[in-house]
Amino acid sequence: MDDHPTQAPPPILDVSHLPDNAFDMRSPVWWGNTLMILIESTTMSATAASRLSVAVRMPKRSRNSAMRSSRGPDAVICSGAK
């Protein structure tokens, strides 16, 4: 005879109360979220590019003297101290 117990059927999930629509590219919320991601990505890319540009254009002597200065960053940038 069969010694194994029979398995119960899997539970059925009733989703009839859920709306028939979903957030896809026809929804204004989807477009708003996509455009916000695009704006934030562009802003961060511009920030990284400007930081890289400053780092490349600053002479090495100025970078080293700014790091060793004990008067603070404002004194080095404004007065051109060595």
PDB file of N, CA and C in Angstrom:
ATOM      1  N   MET A   1       0.817  -1.177   0.000  1.00  0.00           N
ATOM      2  CA  MET A   1       0.000   0.000   0.000  1.00  0.00           C
ATOM      3  C   MET A   1       0.861   1.241   0.000  1.00  0.00           C
ATOM      4  N   ASP A   2       0.217   2.380  -0.141  1.00  0.00           N
ATOM      5  CA  ASP A   2       0.924   3.660  -0.248  1.00  0.00           C
ATOM      6  C   ASP A   2       1.175   4.224   1.148  1.00  0.00           C
ATOM      7  N   ASP A   3       2.453   4.267   1.570  1.00  0.00           N
ATOM      8  CA  ASP A   3       2.799   4.784   2.895  1.00  0.00           C
ATOM      9  C   ASP A   3       2.992   6.298   2.912  1.00  0.00           C
ATOM     10  N   HIS A   4       3.082   6.932   1.740  1.00  0.00           N
ATOM     11  CA  HIS A   4       3.327   8.373   1.666  1.00  0.00           C
ATOM     12  C   HIS A   4       2.006   9.139   1.759  1.00  0.00           C
ATOM     13  N   PRO A   5       1.996  10.172   2.614  1.00  0.00           N
ATOM     14  CA  PRO A   5       0.759  10.965   2.688  1.00  0.00           C
ATOM     15  C   PRO A   5       0.586  11.782   1.401  1.00  0.00           C
ATOM     16  N   THR A   6      -0.620  12.028   1.042  1.00  0.00           N
ATOM     17  CA  THR A   6      -0.878  12.817  -0.161  1.00  0.00           C
ATOM     18  C   THR A   6      -0.612  14.285   0.138  1.00  0.00           C
ATOM     19  N   GLN A   7      -0.104  14.976  -0.840  1.00  0.00           N
ATOM     20  CA  GLN A   7       0.200  16.393  -0.662  1.00  0.00           C
ATOM     21  C   GLN A   7      -1.067  17.206  -0.874  1.00  0.00           C
ATOM     22  N   ALA A   8      -1.185  18.267  -0.097  1.00  0.00           N
ATOM     23  CA  ALA A   8      -2.329  19.169  -0.255  1.00  0.00           C
ATOM     24  C   ALA A   8      -2.110  19.994  -1.520  1.00  0.00           C
ATOM     25  N   PRO A   9      -3.165  20.360  -2.188  1.00  0.00           N
ATOM     26  CA  PRO A   9      -2.997  21.195  -3.376  1.00  0.00           C
ATOM     27  C   PRO A   9      -2.422  22.556  -2.985  1.00  0.00           C
ATOM     28  N   PRO A  10      -1.640  23.177  -3.868  1.00  0.00           N
ATOM     29  CA  PRO A  10      -1.059  24.481  -3.524  1.00  0.00           C
ATOM     30  C   PRO A  10      -2.160  25.528  -3.337  1.00  0.00           C
ATOM     31  N   PRO A  11      -1.924  26.481  -2.439  1.00  0.00           N
ATOM     32  CA  PRO A  11      -2.946  27.505  -2.212  1.00  0.00           C
ATOM     33  C   PRO A  11      -3.130  28.358  -3.465  1.00  0.00           C
ATOM     34  N   ILE A  12      -4.337  28.791  -3.666  1.00  0.00           N
ATOM     35  CA  ILE A  12      -4.659  29.624  -4.822  1.00  0.00           C
ATOM     36  C   ILE A  12      -4.738  31.067  -4.349  1.00  0.00           C
ATOM     37  N   LEU A  13      -4.043  31.941  -5.056  1.00  0.00           N
ATOM     38  CA  LEU A  13      -4.004  33.348  -4.710  1.00  0.00           C
ATOM     39  C   LEU A  13      -5.067  34.087  -5.505  1.00  0.00           C
ATOM     40  N   ASP A  14      -5.987  34.733  -4.810  1.00  0.00           N
ATOM     41  CA  ASP A  14      -7.059  35.473  -5.475  1.00  0.00           C
ATOM     42  C   ASP A  14      -6.589  36.900  -5.742  1.00  0.00           C
ATOM     43  N   VAL A  15      -6.404  37.245  -6.998  1.00  0.00           N
ATOM     44  CA  VAL A  15      -5.952  38.581  -7.384  1.00  0.00           C
ATOM     45  C   VAL A  15      -7.036  39.349  -8.123  1.00  0.00           C
ATOM     46  N   SER A  16      -8.253  38.942  -7.970  1.00  0.00           N
ATOM     47  CA  SER A  16      -9.345  39.596  -8.703  1.00  0.00           C
ATOM     48  C   SER A  16      -9.584  41.023  -8.222  1.00  0.00           C
ATOM     49  N   HIS A  17      -9.154  41.356  -7.010  1.00  0.00           N
ATOM     50  CA  HIS A  17      -9.372  42.707  -6.492  1.00  0.00           C
ATOM     51  C   HIS A  17      -8.301  43.705  -6.969  1.00  0.00           C
ATOM     52  N   LEU A  18      -7.236  43.224  -7.586  1.00  0.00           N
ATOM     53  CA  LEU A  18      -6.171  44.104  -8.060  1.00  0.00           C
ATOM     54  C   LEU A  18      -6.586  44.804  -9.352  1.00  0.00           C
ATOM     55  N   PRO A  19      -6.055  46.012  -9.603  1.00  0.00           N
ATOM     56  CA  PRO A  19      -6.404  46.713 -10.844  1.00  0.00           C
ATOM     57  C   PRO A  19      -5.836  45.993 -12.069  1.00  0.00           C
ATOM     58  N   ASP A  20      -6.449  46.254 -13.196  1.00  0.00           N
ATOM     59  CA  ASP A  20      -6.026  45.598 -14.430  1.00  0.00           C
ATOM     60  C   ASP A  20      -4.827  46.280 -15.090  1.00  0.00           C
ATOM     61  N   ASN A  21      -4.448  47.452 -14.624  1.00  0.00           N
ATOM     62  CA  ASN A  21      -3.354  48.169 -15.276  1.00  0.00           C
ATOM     63  C   ASN A  21      -2.046  47.990 -14.510  1.00  0.00           C
ATOM     64  N   ALA A  22      -0.971  48.415 -15.147  1.00  0.00           N
ATOM     65  CA  ALA A  22       0.357  48.360 -14.531  1.00  0.00           C
ATOM     66  C   ALA A  22       1.118  49.613 -14.951  1.00  0.00           C
ATOM     67  N   PHE A  23       2.212  49.887 -14.275  1.00  0.00           N
ATOM     68  CA  PHE A  23       3.026  51.042 -14.632  1.00  0.00           C
ATOM     69  C   PHE A  23       3.976  50.646 -15.752  1.00  0.00           C
ATOM     70  N   ASP A  24       3.670  51.058 -16.939  1.00  0.00           N
ATOM     71  CA  ASP A  24       4.551  50.814 -18.068  1.00  0.00           C
ATOM     72  C   ASP A  24       4.768  52.133 -18.790  1.00  0.00           C
ATOM     73  N   MET A  25       5.330  52.098 -19.979  1.00  0.00           N
ATOM     74  CA  MET A  25       5.692  53.345 -20.651  1.00  0.00           C
ATOM     75  C   MET A  25       4.485  54.166 -21.118  1.00  0.00           C
ATOM     76  N   ARG A  26       3.282  53.674 -20.947  1.00  0.00           N
ATOM     77  CA  ARG A  26       2.096  54.472 -21.261  1.00  0.00           C
ATOM     78  C   ARG A  26       1.656  55.326 -20.082  1.00  0.00           C
ATOM     79  N   SER A  27       2.270  55.116 -18.934  1.00  0.00           N
ATOM     80  CA  SER A  27       1.882  55.829 -17.721  1.00  0.00           C
ATOM     81  C   SER A  27       2.735  57.084 -17.526  1.00  0.00           C
ATOM     82  N   PRO A  28       2.121  58.221 -17.168  1.00  0.00           N
ATOM     83  CA  PRO A  28       2.904  59.432 -16.893  1.00  0.00           C
ATOM     84  C   PRO A  28       3.881  59.268 -15.724  1.00  0.00           C
ATOM     85  N   VAL A  29       3.533  58.424 -14.756  1.00  0.00           N
ATOM     86  CA  VAL A  29       4.436  58.198 -13.621  1.00  0.00           C
ATOM     87  C   VAL A  29       5.722  57.521 -14.096  1.00  0.00           C
ATOM     88  N   TRP A  30       5.601  56.601 -15.017  1.00  0.00           N
ATOM     89  CA  TRP A  30       6.780  55.922 -15.563  1.00  0.00           C
ATOM     90  C   TRP A  30       7.682  56.926 -16.267  1.00  0.00           C
ATOM     91  N   TRP A  31       7.090  57.798 -17.085  1.00  0.00           N
ATOM     92  CA  TRP A  31       7.879  58.807 -17.797  1.00  0.00           C
ATOM     93  C   TRP A  31       8.518  59.796 -16.825  1.00  0.00           C
ATOM     94  N   GLY A  32       7.788  60.189 -15.787  1.00  0.00           N
ATOM     95  CA  GLY A  32       8.359  61.095 -14.795  1.00  0.00           C
ATOM     96  C   GLY A  32       9.551  60.483 -14.091  1.00  0.00           C
ATOM     97  N   ASN A  33       9.437  59.221 -13.720  1.00  0.00           N
ATOM     98  CA  ASN A  33      10.541  58.524 -13.060  1.00  0.00           C
ATOM     99  C   ASN A  33      11.727  58.370 -14.001  1.00  0.00           C
ATOM    100  N   THR A  34      11.461  58.026 -15.248  1.00  0.00           N
ATOM    101  CA  THR A  34      12.543  57.864 -16.227  1.00  0.00           C
ATOM    102  C   THR A  34      13.268  59.184 -16.476  1.00  0.00           C
ATOM    103  N   LEU A  35      12.516  60.266 -16.615  1.00  0.00           N
ATOM    104  CA  LEU A  35      13.144  61.571 -16.839  1.00  0.00           C
ATOM    105  C   LEU A  35      13.937  62.038 -15.608  1.00  0.00           C
ATOM    106  N   MET A  36      13.443  61.724 -14.417  1.00  0.00           N
ATOM    107  CA  MET A  36      14.182  62.096 -13.211  1.00  0.00           C
ATOM    108  C   MET A  36      15.502  61.331 -13.127  1.00  0.00           C
ATOM    109  N   ILE A  37      15.498  60.068 -13.497  1.00  0.00           N
ATOM    110  CA  ILE A  37      16.741  59.293 -13.529  1.00  0.00           C
ATOM    111  C   ILE A  37      17.709  59.890 -14.549  1.00  0.00           C
ATOM    112  N   LEU A  38      17.196  60.298 -15.699  1.00  0.00           N
ATOM    113  CA  LEU A  38      18.031  60.910 -16.731  1.00  0.00           C
ATOM    114  C   LEU A  38      18.637  62.229 -16.239  1.00  0.00           C
ATOM    115  N   ILE A  39      17.828  63.055 -15.590  1.00  0.00           N
ATOM    116  CA  ILE A  39      18.317  64.342 -15.073  1.00  0.00           C
ATOM    117  C   ILE A  39      19.397  64.121 -14.012  1.00  0.00           C
ATOM    118  N   GLU A  40      19.145  63.213 -13.079  1.00  0.00           N
ATOM    119  CA  GLU A  40      20.130  62.948 -12.024  1.00  0.00           C
ATOM    120  C   GLU A  40      21.424  62.368 -12.592  1.00  0.00           C
ATOM    121  N   SER A  41      21.307  61.489 -13.575  1.00  0.00           N
ATOM    122  CA  SER A  41      22.505  60.916 -14.199  1.00  0.00           C
ATOM    123  C   SER A  41      23.316  61.981 -14.918  1.00  0.00           C
ATOM    124  N   THR A  42      22.637  62.884 -15.614  1.00  0.00           N
ATOM    125  CA  THR A  42      23.322  63.967 -16.307  1.00  0.00           C
ATOM    126  C   THR A  42      24.015  64.891 -15.316  1.00  0.00           C
ATOM    127  N   THR A  43      23.360  65.193 -14.216  1.00  0.00           N
ATOM    128  CA  THR A  43      23.950  66.060 -13.188  1.00  0.00           C
ATOM    129  C   THR A  43      25.201  65.428 -12.584  1.00  0.00           C
ATOM    130  N   MET A  44      25.123  64.157 -12.260  1.00  0.00           N
ATOM    131  CA  MET A  44      26.292  63.493 -11.674  1.00  0.00           C
ATOM    132  C   MET A  44      27.428  63.365 -12.683  1.00  0.00           C
ATOM    133  N   SER A  45      27.102  63.147 -13.952  1.00  0.00           N
ATOM    134  CA  SER A  45      28.137  63.081 -14.992  1.00  0.00           C
ATOM    135  C   SER A  45      28.822  64.433 -15.163  1.00  0.00           C
ATOM    136  N   ALA A  46      28.044  65.510 -15.153  1.00  0.00           N
ATOM    137  CA  ALA A  46      28.621  66.844 -15.282  1.00  0.00           C
ATOM    138  C   ALA A  46      29.499  67.176 -14.070  1.00  0.00           C
ATOM    139  N   THR A  47      29.075  66.762 -12.892  1.00  0.00           N
ATOM    140  CA  THR A  47      29.876  66.990 -11.684  1.00  0.00           C
ATOM    141  C   THR A  47      31.204  66.235 -11.758  1.00  0.00           C
ATOM    142  N   ALA A  48      31.148  64.991 -12.179  1.00  0.00           N
ATOM    143  CA  ALA A  48      32.377  64.195 -12.290  1.00  0.00           C
ATOM    144  C   ALA A  48      33.304  64.756 -13.369  1.00  0.00           C
ATOM    145  N   ALA A  49      32.728  65.193 -14.484  1.00  0.00           N
ATOM    146  CA  ALA A  49      33.552  65.753 -15.560  1.00  0.00           C
ATOM    147  C   ALA A  49      34.207  67.060 -15.137  1.00  0.00           C
ATOM    148  N   SER A  50      33.485  67.913 -14.421  1.00  0.00           N
ATOM    149  CA  SER A  50      34.088  69.179 -13.986  1.00  0.00           C
ATOM    150  C   SER A  50      35.180  68.929 -12.951  1.00  0.00           C
ATOM    151  N   ARG A  51      34.979  67.966 -12.063  1.00  0.00           N
ATOM    152  CA  ARG A  51      36.010  67.635 -11.073  1.00  0.00           C
ATOM    153  C   ARG A  51      37.256  67.083 -11.747  1.00  0.00           C
ATOM    154  N   LEU A  52      37.065  66.237 -12.740  1.00  0.00           N
ATOM    155  CA  LEU A  52      38.196  65.691 -13.481  1.00  0.00           C
ATOM    156  C   LEU A  52      38.924  66.790 -14.242  1.00  0.00           C
ATOM    157  N   SER A  53      38.180  67.718 -14.814  1.00  0.00           N
ATOM    158  CA  SER A  53      38.781  68.824 -15.554  1.00  0.00           C
ATOM    159  C   SER A  53      39.643  69.692 -14.641  1.00  0.00           C
ATOM    160  N   VAL A  54      39.144  69.974 -13.447  1.00  0.00           N
ATOM    161  CA  VAL A  54      39.918  70.779 -12.495  1.00  0.00           C
ATOM    162  C   VAL A  54      41.167  70.012 -12.064  1.00  0.00           C
ATOM    163  N   ALA A  55      41.036  68.734 -11.819  1.00  0.00           N
ATOM    164  CA  ALA A  55      42.181  67.932 -11.378  1.00  0.00           C
ATOM    165  C   ALA A  55      43.256  67.847 -12.457  1.00  0.00           C
ATOM    166  N   VAL A  56      42.851  67.784 -13.711  1.00  0.00           N
ATOM    167  CA  VAL A  56      43.822  67.671 -14.806  1.00  0.00           C
ATOM    168  C   VAL A  56      44.502  69.012 -15.071  1.00  0.00           C
ATOM    169  N   ARG A  57      43.762  70.092 -14.977  1.00  0.00           N
ATOM    170  CA  ARG A  57      44.315  71.415 -15.318  1.00  0.00           C
ATOM    171  C   ARG A  57      45.133  72.045 -14.206  1.00  0.00           C
ATOM    172  N   MET A  58      44.966  71.615 -12.965  1.00  0.00           N
ATOM    173  CA  MET A  58      45.712  72.209 -11.856  1.00  0.00           C
ATOM    174  C   MET A  58      47.147  71.693 -11.892  1.00  0.00           C
ATOM    175  N   PRO A  59      48.121  72.586 -11.883  1.00  0.00           N
ATOM    176  CA  PRO A  59      49.515  72.135 -11.927  1.00  0.00           C
ATOM    177  C   PRO A  59      49.855  71.292 -10.701  1.00  0.00           C
ATOM    178  N   LYS A  60      50.784  70.367 -10.893  1.00  0.00           N
ATOM    179  CA  LYS A  60      51.140  69.463  -9.810  1.00  0.00           C
ATOM    180  C   LYS A  60      51.745  70.219  -8.630  1.00  0.00           C
ATOM    181  N   ARG A  61      52.516  71.258  -8.905  1.00  0.00           N
ATOM    182  CA  ARG A  61      53.125  72.049  -7.833  1.00  0.00           C
ATOM    183  C   ARG A  61      52.052  72.683  -6.949  1.00  0.00           C
ATOM    184  N   SER A  62      50.983  73.181  -7.562  1.00  0.00           N
ATOM    185  CA  SER A  62      49.905  73.795  -6.784  1.00  0.00           C
ATOM    186  C   SER A  62      49.160  72.771  -5.954  1.00  0.00           C
ATOM    187  N   ARG A  63      48.965  71.588  -6.512  1.00  0.00           N
ATOM    188  CA  ARG A  63      48.277  70.541  -5.756  1.00  0.00           C
ATOM    189  C   ARG A  63      49.079  70.150  -4.527  1.00  0.00           C
ATOM    190  N   ASN A  64      50.389  69.973  -4.679  1.00  0.00           N
ATOM    191  CA  ASN A  64      51.217  69.566  -3.548  1.00  0.00           C
ATOM    192  C   ASN A  64      51.312  70.659  -2.502  1.00  0.00           C
ATOM    193  N   SER A  65      51.449  71.914  -2.915  1.00  0.00           N
ATOM    194  CA  SER A  65      51.555  72.993  -1.942  1.00  0.00           C
ATOM    195  C   SER A  65      50.232  73.194  -1.220  1.00  0.00           C
ATOM    196  N   ALA A  66      49.121  72.976  -1.900  1.00  0.00           N
ATOM    197  CA  ALA A  66      47.827  73.108  -1.240  1.00  0.00           C
ATOM    198  C   ALA A  66      47.647  72.024  -0.185  1.00  0.00           C
ATOM    199  N   MET A  67      48.201  70.861  -0.420  1.00  0.00           N
ATOM    200  CA  MET A  67      48.074  69.776   0.540  1.00  0.00           C
ATOM    201  C   MET A  67      48.971  69.988   1.753  1.00  0.00           C
ATOM    202  N   ARG A  68      50.115  70.640   1.568  1.00  0.00           N
ATOM    203  CA  ARG A  68      51.054  70.836   2.667  1.00  0.00           C
ATOM    204  C   ARG A  68      50.811  72.126   3.432  1.00  0.00           C
ATOM    205  N   SER A  69      49.945  72.992   2.954  1.00  0.00           N
ATOM    206  CA  SER A  69      49.738  74.282   3.597  1.00  0.00           C
ATOM    207  C   SER A  69      49.040  74.112   4.943  1.00  0.00           C
ATOM    208  N   SER A  70      49.506  74.846   5.940  1.00  0.00           N
ATOM    209  CA  SER A  70      48.868  74.785   7.254  1.00  0.00           C
ATOM    210  C   SER A  70      47.920  75.964   7.465  1.00  0.00           C
ATOM    211  N   ARG A  71      47.846  76.875   6.485  1.00  0.00           N
ATOM    212  CA  ARG A  71      46.993  78.056   6.658  1.00  0.00           C
ATOM    213  C   ARG A  71      45.553  77.804   6.238  1.00  0.00           C
ATOM    214  N   GLY A  72      45.239  76.676   5.681  1.00  0.00           N
ATOM    215  CA  GLY A  72      43.874  76.376   5.274  1.00  0.00           C
ATOM    216  C   GLY A  72      43.691  76.558   3.791  1.00  0.00           C
ATOM    217  N   PRO A  73      42.656  75.991   3.223  1.00  0.00           N
ATOM    218  CA  PRO A  73      42.453  76.022   1.782  1.00  0.00           C
ATOM    219  C   PRO A  73      42.141  77.405   1.243  1.00  0.00           C
ATOM    220  N   ASP A  74      41.451  78.259   2.012  1.00  0.00           N
ATOM    221  CA  ASP A  74      41.109  79.597   1.507  1.00  0.00           C
ATOM    222  C   ASP A  74      42.354  80.457   1.304  1.00  0.00           C
ATOM    223  N   ALA A  75      43.297  80.339   2.223  1.00  0.00           N
ATOM    224  CA  ALA A  75      44.517  81.135   2.100  1.00  0.00           C
ATOM    225  C   ALA A  75      45.326  80.705   0.888  1.00  0.00           C
ATOM    226  N   VAL A  76      45.347  79.454   0.588  1.00  0.00           N
ATOM    227  CA  VAL A  76      46.111  78.961  -0.555  1.00  0.00           C
ATOM    228  C   VAL A  76      45.445  79.379  -1.852  1.00  0.00           C
ATOM    229  N   ILE A  77      44.137  79.231  -1.943  1.00  0.00           N
ATOM    230  CA  ILE A  77      43.432  79.538  -3.189  1.00  0.00           C
ATOM    231  C   ILE A  77      43.403  81.036  -3.446  1.00  0.00           C
ATOM    232  N   CYS A  78      43.130  81.845  -2.427  1.00  0.00           N
ATOM    233  CA  CYS A  78      42.944  83.284  -2.633  1.00  0.00           C
ATOM    234  C   CYS A  78      44.249  84.048  -2.754  1.00  0.00           C
ATOM    235  N   SER A  79      45.267  83.695  -1.990  1.00  0.00           N
ATOM    236  CA  SER A  79      46.477  84.486  -1.982  1.00  0.00           C
ATOM    237  C   SER A  79      47.556  83.953  -2.916  1.00  0.00           C
ATOM    238  N   GLY A  80      47.387  82.752  -3.407  1.00  0.00           N
ATOM    239  CA  GLY A  80      48.396  82.168  -4.280  1.00  0.00           C
ATOM    240  C   GLY A  80      49.661  81.833  -3.529  1.00  0.00           C
ATOM    241  N   ALA A  81      49.551  81.486  -2.254  1.00  0.00           N
ATOM    242  CA  ALA A  81      50.727  81.190  -1.429  1.00  0.00           C
ATOM    243  C   ALA A  81      51.452  79.951  -1.939  1.00  0.00           C
ATOM    244  N   LYS A  82      52.751  79.918  -1.650  1.00  0.00           N
ATOM    245  CA  LYS A  82      53.564  78.792  -2.098  1.00  0.00           C
ATOM    246  C   LYS A  82      53.939  77.917  -0.947  1.00  0.00           C
TER     247      LYS A  82
END
